[in-house]
Protein backbone atom coordinates (compact mmCIF):
# COMPACT_ATOMS: atom_id res chain seq x y z
CA UNK A 1 44.29 22.06 49.69
CA UNK A 2 47.38 20.94 47.80
CA UNK A 3 49.89 23.37 46.42
CA UNK A 4 49.43 22.78 42.70
CA UNK A 5 45.64 22.79 42.95
CA UNK A 6 45.89 26.09 44.82
CA UNK A 7 48.25 27.43 42.17
CA UNK A 8 45.81 26.39 39.46
CA UNK A 9 42.69 27.77 41.12
CA UNK A 10 44.21 31.03 42.40
CA UNK A 11 46.65 31.86 39.61
CA UNK A 12 46.30 29.82 36.41
CA UNK A 13 42.50 29.92 36.29
CA UNK A 14 42.62 33.72 36.64
CA UNK A 15 45.28 34.16 33.92
CA UNK A 16 47.69 35.57 36.47
CA UNK A 17 50.72 33.38 35.73
CA UNK A 18 53.84 35.41 34.94
CA UNK A 19 55.55 32.41 33.29
CA UNK A 20 58.65 33.01 35.42
CA UNK A 21 59.38 29.31 36.05
CA UNK A 22 60.15 29.69 39.75
CA UNK A 23 57.46 27.20 40.74
CA UNK A 24 59.32 24.55 38.73
CA UNK A 25 62.57 25.42 40.50
CA UNK A 26 61.22 25.14 44.05
CA UNK A 27 59.13 21.98 43.66
CA UNK A 28 61.01 19.48 45.86
CA UNK A 29 59.65 16.51 43.91
CA UNK A 30 60.25 17.96 40.45
CA UNK A 31 56.56 17.72 39.58
CA UNK A 32 56.42 20.98 37.63
CA UNK A 33 57.91 22.01 34.31
CA UNK A 34 57.19 24.86 31.91
CA UNK A 35 55.36 24.31 28.64
CA UNK A 36 56.78 25.43 25.30
CA UNK A 37 53.59 27.25 24.29
CA UNK A 38 53.49 30.82 22.99
CA UNK A 39 52.73 31.76 26.59
CA UNK A 40 54.57 29.13 28.70
CA UNK A 41 52.67 27.83 31.72
CA UNK A 42 53.55 25.32 34.46
CA UNK A 43 52.67 21.71 33.71
CA UNK A 44 51.97 19.21 36.46
CA UNK A 45 53.94 16.05 35.68
CA UNK A 46 51.66 13.68 37.57
CA UNK A 47 47.92 13.04 37.31
CA UNK A 48 46.33 16.30 38.39
CA UNK A 49 43.53 14.56 40.26
CA UNK A 50 46.18 12.87 42.40
CA UNK A 51 47.92 16.12 43.32
CA UNK A 52 46.74 15.81 46.91
CA UNK A 53 48.82 12.64 47.17
CA UNK A 54 51.74 13.90 45.08
CA UNK A 55 52.16 17.30 46.75
CA UNK A 56 51.21 16.35 50.29
CA UNK A 57 51.38 19.40 52.53
CA UNK A 58 53.89 21.27 50.33
CA UNK A 59 52.88 24.83 49.41
CA UNK A 60 56.15 26.14 47.99
CA UNK A 61 54.97 26.84 44.44
CA UNK A 62 52.16 29.09 45.66
CA UNK A 63 54.33 30.72 48.32
CA UNK A 64 56.88 32.01 45.79
CA UNK A 65 54.43 32.79 42.98
CA UNK A 66 54.38 36.53 42.11
CA UNK A 67 51.27 36.22 39.95
CA UNK A 68 48.82 37.79 42.40
CA UNK A 69 50.66 38.66 45.60
CA UNK A 70 53.96 40.11 44.42
CA UNK A 71 55.31 40.22 47.98
CA UNK A 72 56.84 43.65 47.40
CA UNK A 73 55.89 45.19 50.73
CA UNK A 74 57.31 42.27 52.72
CA UNK A 75 60.43 42.32 50.56
CA UNK A 76 60.91 46.06 51.08
CA UNK A 77 60.84 45.63 54.84
CA UNK A 78 63.54 42.95 54.61
CA UNK A 79 65.70 44.93 52.18
CA UNK A 80 65.20 48.57 53.23
CA UNK A 81 63.61 48.36 56.67
CA UNK A 82 60.63 50.36 55.41
CA UNK A 83 57.99 50.44 52.71
CA UNK A 84 57.99 52.95 49.89
CA UNK A 85 56.17 56.24 50.39
CA UNK A 86 53.28 57.32 48.23
CA UNK A 87 55.61 59.52 46.18
CA UNK A 88 57.81 56.46 45.59
CA UNK A 89 54.90 54.32 44.39
CA UNK A 90 56.21 53.92 40.83
CA UNK A 91 59.97 54.22 41.40
CA UNK A 92 60.52 52.44 44.71
CA UNK A 93 63.25 53.10 47.25
CA UNK A 94 66.68 53.89 45.82
CA UNK A 95 70.13 55.23 46.64
CA UNK A 96 71.10 56.96 43.40
CA UNK A 97 70.28 57.21 39.70
CA UNK A 98 72.65 57.46 36.75
CA UNK A 99 72.98 57.34 33.00
CA UNK A 100 75.38 54.52 32.09
CA UNK A 101 77.06 53.42 28.87
CA UNK A 102 79.43 50.49 28.44
CA UNK A 103 82.91 51.80 27.62
CA UNK A 104 83.67 48.93 25.23
CA UNK A 105 82.25 49.92 21.81
CA UNK A 106 81.80 46.25 20.87
CA UNK A 107 79.55 45.65 23.89
CA UNK A 108 77.71 48.92 23.28
CA UNK A 109 77.15 47.88 19.68
CA UNK A 110 75.63 44.56 20.71
CA UNK A 111 73.34 46.04 23.37
CA UNK A 112 69.90 47.52 22.83
CA UNK A 113 70.76 50.73 24.68
CA UNK A 114 73.68 51.46 27.03
CA UNK A 115 74.58 47.85 27.79
CA UNK A 116 74.12 48.21 31.55
CA UNK A 117 72.87 44.68 32.15
CA UNK A 118 75.57 43.17 29.96
CA UNK A 119 78.54 45.04 31.42
CA UNK A 120 77.39 44.60 35.02
CA UNK A 121 76.90 40.87 34.46
CA UNK A 122 80.40 40.63 32.98
CA UNK A 123 81.79 42.58 35.93
CA UNK A 124 80.05 40.27 38.41
CA UNK A 125 81.45 37.22 36.66
CA UNK A 126 85.02 38.47 36.37
CA UNK A 127 85.08 39.91 39.90
CA UNK A 128 83.80 36.59 41.32
CA UNK A 129 80.57 38.09 42.64
CA UNK A 130 78.73 35.25 40.88
CA UNK A 131 79.65 31.92 39.29
CA UNK A 132 77.07 32.41 36.54
CA UNK A 133 74.30 34.78 35.47
CA UNK A 134 70.80 33.92 34.25
CA UNK A 135 70.23 35.75 30.97
CA UNK A 136 67.97 35.44 27.91
CA UNK A 137 69.24 34.88 24.39
CA UNK A 138 68.01 33.11 21.28
CA UNK A 139 67.38 29.43 20.61
CA UNK A 140 70.21 28.01 18.50
CA UNK A 141 67.92 26.12 16.10
CA UNK A 142 65.02 28.59 16.07
CA UNK A 143 66.57 32.08 16.33
CA UNK A 144 63.20 33.84 16.67
CA UNK A 145 62.45 31.88 19.85
CA UNK A 146 63.82 33.29 23.13
CA UNK A 147 65.72 30.97 25.44
CA UNK A 148 67.04 31.44 28.95
CA UNK A 149 70.65 30.50 29.62
CA UNK A 150 72.80 30.28 32.73
CA UNK A 151 75.93 31.98 31.42
CA UNK A 152 79.30 31.32 33.02
CA UNK A 153 81.45 33.01 30.35
CA UNK A 154 81.84 36.56 29.10
CA UNK A 155 81.26 35.40 25.53
CA UNK A 156 77.89 33.89 26.44
CA UNK A 157 76.79 37.02 28.26
CA UNK A 158 77.70 39.18 25.26
CA UNK A 159 75.94 36.74 22.95
CA UNK A 160 72.78 37.25 25.02
CA UNK A 161 73.03 41.06 25.06
CA UNK A 162 69.83 42.95 24.21
CA UNK A 163 66.42 42.85 25.77
CA UNK A 164 64.15 40.07 24.56
CA UNK A 165 60.67 41.48 24.13
CA UNK A 166 59.09 38.10 24.68
CA UNK A 167 57.81 36.13 27.69
CA UNK A 168 60.60 33.73 28.66
CA UNK A 169 60.69 31.45 31.71
CA UNK A 170 64.13 31.70 33.30
CA UNK A 171 63.99 31.06 37.05
CA UNK A 172 63.89 27.28 36.71
CA UNK A 173 67.62 27.60 35.93
CA UNK A 174 68.29 28.57 39.53
CA UNK A 175 68.14 24.84 40.25
CA UNK A 176 71.34 24.18 38.27
CA UNK A 177 73.57 22.25 40.68
CA UNK A 178 76.80 23.33 38.94
CA UNK A 179 76.74 26.81 40.47
CA UNK A 180 76.67 28.08 44.05
CA UNK A 181 76.23 31.81 43.37
CA UNK A 182 73.96 32.93 40.54
CA UNK A 183 73.13 36.44 39.38
CA UNK A 184 69.72 37.07 37.87
CA UNK A 185 68.73 39.55 35.17
CA UNK A 186 64.98 39.60 34.70
CA UNK A 187 61.77 41.57 34.45
CA UNK A 188 59.98 42.87 37.58
CA UNK A 189 57.70 39.89 38.18
CA UNK A 190 60.69 37.54 38.06
CA UNK A 191 62.55 39.68 40.60
CA UNK A 192 59.45 39.69 42.81
CA UNK A 193 59.36 35.89 42.71
CA UNK A 194 63.04 35.69 43.68
CA UNK A 195 62.44 38.01 46.61
CA UNK A 196 59.44 35.97 47.76
CA UNK A 197 61.86 33.03 47.77
CA UNK A 198 64.30 35.09 49.86
CA UNK A 199 61.49 36.00 52.27
CA UNK A 200 60.86 32.35 53.18
CA UNK A 201 62.13 30.96 56.50
CA UNK A 202 65.62 29.52 56.33
CA UNK A 203 64.46 26.03 57.23
CA UNK A 204 62.23 25.54 54.16
CA UNK A 205 63.17 22.97 51.49
CA UNK A 206 63.82 25.85 49.08
CA UNK A 207 66.34 27.64 51.30
CA UNK A 208 69.24 26.18 49.32
CA UNK A 209 67.91 27.98 46.24
CA UNK A 210 67.64 31.27 48.10
CA UNK A 211 71.26 30.94 49.24
CA UNK A 212 72.37 30.79 45.59
CA UNK A 213 71.07 34.26 44.68
CA UNK A 214 74.12 36.50 44.26
CA UNK A 215 72.46 39.65 42.90
CA UNK A 216 69.39 40.80 40.96
CA UNK A 217 69.11 43.27 38.09
CA UNK A 218 65.70 44.13 36.70
CA UNK A 219 64.61 45.60 33.39
CA UNK A 220 61.89 48.22 33.22
CA UNK A 221 58.89 46.51 31.62
CA UNK A 222 55.81 48.21 30.18
CA UNK A 223 54.42 44.73 29.44
CA UNK A 224 55.89 41.60 27.93
CA UNK A 225 54.70 39.89 24.74
CA UNK A 226 53.88 36.33 23.76
CA UNK A 227 55.99 34.48 21.21
CA UNK A 228 53.06 34.85 18.80
CA UNK A 229 53.86 38.58 18.66
CA UNK A 230 57.37 37.97 17.35
CA UNK A 231 56.12 35.36 14.89
CA UNK A 232 53.51 37.87 13.70
CA UNK A 233 56.24 40.42 12.93
CA UNK A 234 58.26 37.88 10.97
CA UNK A 235 55.58 36.02 9.07
CA UNK A 236 52.64 38.43 9.10
CA UNK A 237 54.40 41.78 8.59
CA UNK A 238 57.71 40.94 6.91
CA UNK A 239 56.33 37.94 5.01
CA UNK A 240 59.22 35.66 5.99
CA UNK A 241 58.74 31.96 6.65
CA UNK A 242 59.84 31.09 10.18
CA UNK A 243 61.90 28.12 9.02
CA UNK A 244 63.93 30.47 6.81
CA UNK A 245 65.08 32.66 9.73
CA UNK A 246 68.83 32.48 10.37
CA UNK A 247 69.22 35.53 12.65
CA UNK A 248 66.87 37.81 14.55
CA UNK A 249 67.33 40.76 16.87
CA UNK A 250 64.75 43.15 18.26
CA UNK A 251 67.04 46.20 18.18
CA UNK A 252 69.91 45.75 15.78
CA UNK A 253 72.11 48.52 14.41
CA UNK A 254 72.36 52.21 15.21
CA UNK A 255 70.38 53.32 18.25
CA UNK A 256 67.47 52.99 18.84
CA UNK A 257 67.83 50.00 16.55
CA UNK A 258 65.51 48.10 14.24
CA UNK A 259 63.82 44.73 14.31
CA UNK A 260 66.07 42.74 11.98
CA UNK A 261 65.62 39.30 10.44
CA UNK A 262 68.22 37.65 8.22
CA UNK A 263 67.20 34.65 6.16
CA UNK A 264 69.07 31.66 4.83
CA UNK A 265 69.19 33.17 1.34
CA UNK A 266 71.30 36.07 2.67
CA UNK A 267 68.55 38.70 2.62
CA UNK A 268 67.86 41.12 5.49
CA UNK A 269 64.40 42.30 6.50
CA UNK A 270 63.73 45.06 9.03
CA UNK A 271 61.15 47.18 10.82
CA UNK A 272 61.67 50.37 12.84
CA UNK A 273 61.40 49.83 16.59
CA UNK A 274 58.21 51.85 17.00
CA UNK A 275 56.39 49.31 14.81
CA UNK A 276 57.14 46.66 17.46
CA UNK A 277 55.40 48.78 20.06
CA UNK A 278 52.37 49.19 17.82
CA UNK A 279 52.10 45.55 16.77
CA UNK A 280 52.94 43.94 20.12
CA UNK A 281 49.83 45.46 21.69
CA UNK A 282 47.84 42.65 20.10
CA UNK A 283 49.84 39.91 21.84
CA UNK A 284 49.73 40.64 25.57
CA UNK A 285 48.57 38.42 28.42
CA UNK A 286 46.10 39.60 31.01
CA UNK A 287 48.78 39.30 33.72
CA UNK A 288 51.13 41.58 31.79
CA UNK A 289 48.45 44.13 30.99
CA UNK A 290 47.22 44.28 34.60
CA UNK A 291 50.73 44.33 36.11
CA UNK A 292 51.17 47.02 38.80
CA UNK A 293 54.92 47.55 38.34
CA UNK A 294 57.26 48.93 35.70
CA UNK A 295 60.14 48.34 38.09
CA UNK A 296 59.59 46.06 41.07
CA UNK A 297 61.79 48.35 43.17
CA UNK A 298 63.31 45.39 45.02
CA UNK A 299 66.20 44.45 42.73
CA UNK A 300 69.75 45.45 43.59
CA UNK A 301 69.75 47.55 40.43
CA UNK A 302 66.91 48.62 38.15
CA UNK A 303 67.67 49.60 34.57
CA UNK A 304 65.81 50.91 31.55
CA UNK A 305 66.54 52.52 28.23
CA UNK A 306 68.23 55.86 28.78
CA UNK A 307 65.90 57.56 26.32
CA UNK A 308 62.67 58.29 28.23
CA UNK A 309 60.62 58.24 25.02
CA UNK A 310 62.21 55.72 22.69
CA UNK A 311 58.96 55.29 20.71
CA UNK A 312 59.05 58.93 19.70
CA UNK A 313 62.78 58.84 18.93
CA UNK A 314 62.29 55.79 16.70
CA UNK A 315 59.31 57.27 14.88
CA UNK A 316 60.87 60.70 14.26
CA UNK A 317 64.38 59.41 13.59
CA UNK A 318 65.94 61.54 16.34
CA UNK A 319 69.47 60.35 17.09
CA UNK A 320 70.39 60.08 20.78
CA UNK A 321 73.34 58.68 22.64
CA UNK A 322 72.91 55.02 23.54
CA UNK A 323 72.66 54.83 27.32
CA UNK A 324 70.87 53.06 30.14
CA UNK A 325 69.08 54.64 33.07
CA UNK A 326 70.39 52.89 36.18
CA UNK A 327 68.74 53.07 39.60
CA UNK A 328 70.92 51.73 42.42
CA UNK A 329 68.88 50.39 45.35
CA UNK A 330 71.12 48.30 47.62
CA UNK A 331 74.68 47.93 48.85
CA UNK A 332 75.15 45.06 46.39
CA UNK A 333 73.94 47.30 43.56
CA UNK A 334 76.38 50.03 44.60
CA UNK A 335 79.17 47.44 44.76
CA UNK A 336 78.53 46.27 41.19
CA UNK A 337 78.56 49.86 39.90
CA UNK A 338 81.78 50.65 41.79
CA UNK A 339 83.51 47.49 40.53
CA UNK A 340 82.59 48.35 36.94
CA UNK A 341 83.76 51.94 37.43
CA UNK A 342 87.13 50.86 38.85
CA UNK A 343 87.62 48.61 35.82
CA UNK A 344 86.94 51.60 33.55
CA UNK A 345 84.20 49.47 32.02
CA UNK A 346 81.48 52.10 32.16
CA UNK A 347 80.83 55.75 31.51
CA UNK A 348 78.66 57.00 34.37
CA UNK A 349 76.95 60.33 35.02
CA UNK A 350 74.48 61.29 37.73
CA UNK A 351 70.91 61.60 36.52
CA UNK A 352 67.61 62.78 37.94
CA UNK A 353 64.92 60.31 36.96
CA UNK A 354 61.65 61.98 36.01
CA UNK A 355 59.50 59.62 33.96
CA UNK A 356 59.61 57.12 31.12
CA UNK A 357 57.08 56.32 28.43
CA UNK A 358 57.05 52.66 29.48
CA UNK A 359 56.41 53.61 33.09
CA UNK A 360 53.63 56.00 32.13
CA UNK A 361 51.96 53.35 29.99
CA UNK A 362 52.13 50.91 32.90
CA UNK A 363 50.84 53.49 35.37
CA UNK A 364 47.81 54.43 33.30
CA UNK A 365 47.02 50.86 32.31
CA UNK A 366 47.06 49.60 35.89
CA UNK A 367 44.85 52.48 36.97
CA UNK A 368 42.39 51.46 34.26
CA UNK A 369 42.24 47.82 35.39
CA UNK A 370 41.98 48.81 39.06
CA UNK A 371 39.12 51.19 38.27
CA UNK A 372 37.18 48.49 36.43
CA UNK A 373 37.20 46.28 39.50
CA UNK A 374 35.63 43.33 37.69
CA UNK A 375 38.58 40.91 37.75
CA UNK A 376 41.23 39.72 40.15
CA UNK A 377 44.41 41.69 39.38
CA UNK A 378 47.89 41.64 40.98
CA UNK A 379 48.38 43.53 44.22
CA UNK A 380 50.02 46.94 43.98
CA UNK A 381 52.96 47.86 46.24
CA UNK A 382 51.22 50.72 48.03
CA UNK A 383 48.79 53.48 47.18
CA UNK A 384 48.79 55.33 43.91
CA UNK A 385 49.11 59.10 44.01
CA UNK A 386 45.99 61.17 43.44
CA UNK A 387 45.09 61.65 39.78
CA UNK A 388 42.27 63.31 37.90
CA UNK A 389 42.07 61.18 34.76
CA UNK A 390 43.09 57.86 33.27
CA UNK A 391 44.63 57.95 29.80
CA UNK A 392 44.36 55.16 27.27
CA UNK A 393 47.52 53.52 26.02
CA UNK A 394 47.16 55.23 22.66
CA UNK A 395 46.81 58.60 24.38
CA UNK A 396 49.96 58.03 26.44
CA UNK A 397 51.96 57.10 23.35
CA UNK A 398 50.56 60.04 21.39
CA UNK A 399 51.20 62.57 24.18
CA UNK A 400 54.65 61.32 25.14
CA UNK A 401 56.10 62.16 28.55
CA UNK A 402 58.41 64.54 30.33
CA UNK A 403 59.66 67.94 29.34
CA UNK A 404 61.27 69.08 26.13
CA UNK A 405 64.56 69.22 28.08
CA UNK A 406 64.23 65.53 28.96
CA UNK A 407 63.53 64.61 25.34
CA UNK A 408 66.51 66.51 23.93
CA UNK A 409 69.09 66.02 26.70
CA UNK A 410 70.84 63.15 24.93
CA UNK A 411 70.56 64.35 21.35
CA UNK A 412 73.79 64.11 19.35
């Protein structure tokens, strides 16, 4: 069976596409591109019925796809020489954990939390670890639409600071012939795809892409959201016409930030962050909802918001120090942290990771889908620990997580 037909029947037809764009990058004939729909999907550029002739014996797009088989266990053996234990099911293997804040107040002010991804990307660029870094910013003509960029300047990286809470294909940019070493900042499924690429034999047609991967940084992800979710906030909740939007950020201003839209008439419209969490629930894909990973555990560095319960902080107005939780997993991850520390670019303190509201939401949601057993869902990276009950998403948000000490540790 041809590769695209397999991809369609095993992934697309089961709503398991992560919209990462890696299939488009590895296709040796350039037959795949990503649509511009609210949930971008791969498009076959030839007549689909002729795929058997177009693709031949090529299977690359299905081999790197993280939609069903995330490849985590194979990747762990290559990276760590072992698979995670049952107690590491939701954190993965790691060397150390920290709380990190960018030392530059301008960078910290642009970031959603501590600016870990931004400052480490800048460090990698200036220290020649990478020629460019794949990041996500905003479309120049439609500021509410996310757009992936391959940034080769500090200014561009800073411009793309902040998490984009919206599904955005980015891995197709790995094919950019201008750069030999590319760093990647992405969500767990994107990092899983990159590692499936790295797992391939060196003599495959995609090996040149694998050789370009300089480092990987992943963002903790409770679940991503379709573009329709952002458009709903702007038009449906704030009552702003999309064509009037001049500026948009998901977390602008004092931590934890607000959803901010500025219009062409000079007016500013905003929503507290917790409202995003509430409204975005209506705009999730099946693949995101059934995802088995908050962190993939196979990036060089995993990061998340330093506040373990940002929803509660936003809703109650508790002020906390802007920081990022950083989990260092590999020698490359440790190198990036050390380079940033030597440059006095970061404030770094050791930290014992306990839990995070996003992780707990992901944990309980995946347990729910696994227990239903009525649909094909992505493979989990090992066994879940024993548990006595499964909480709904609303219950997790209502209950919060962690201890009172965890929730107040960073209060100002």
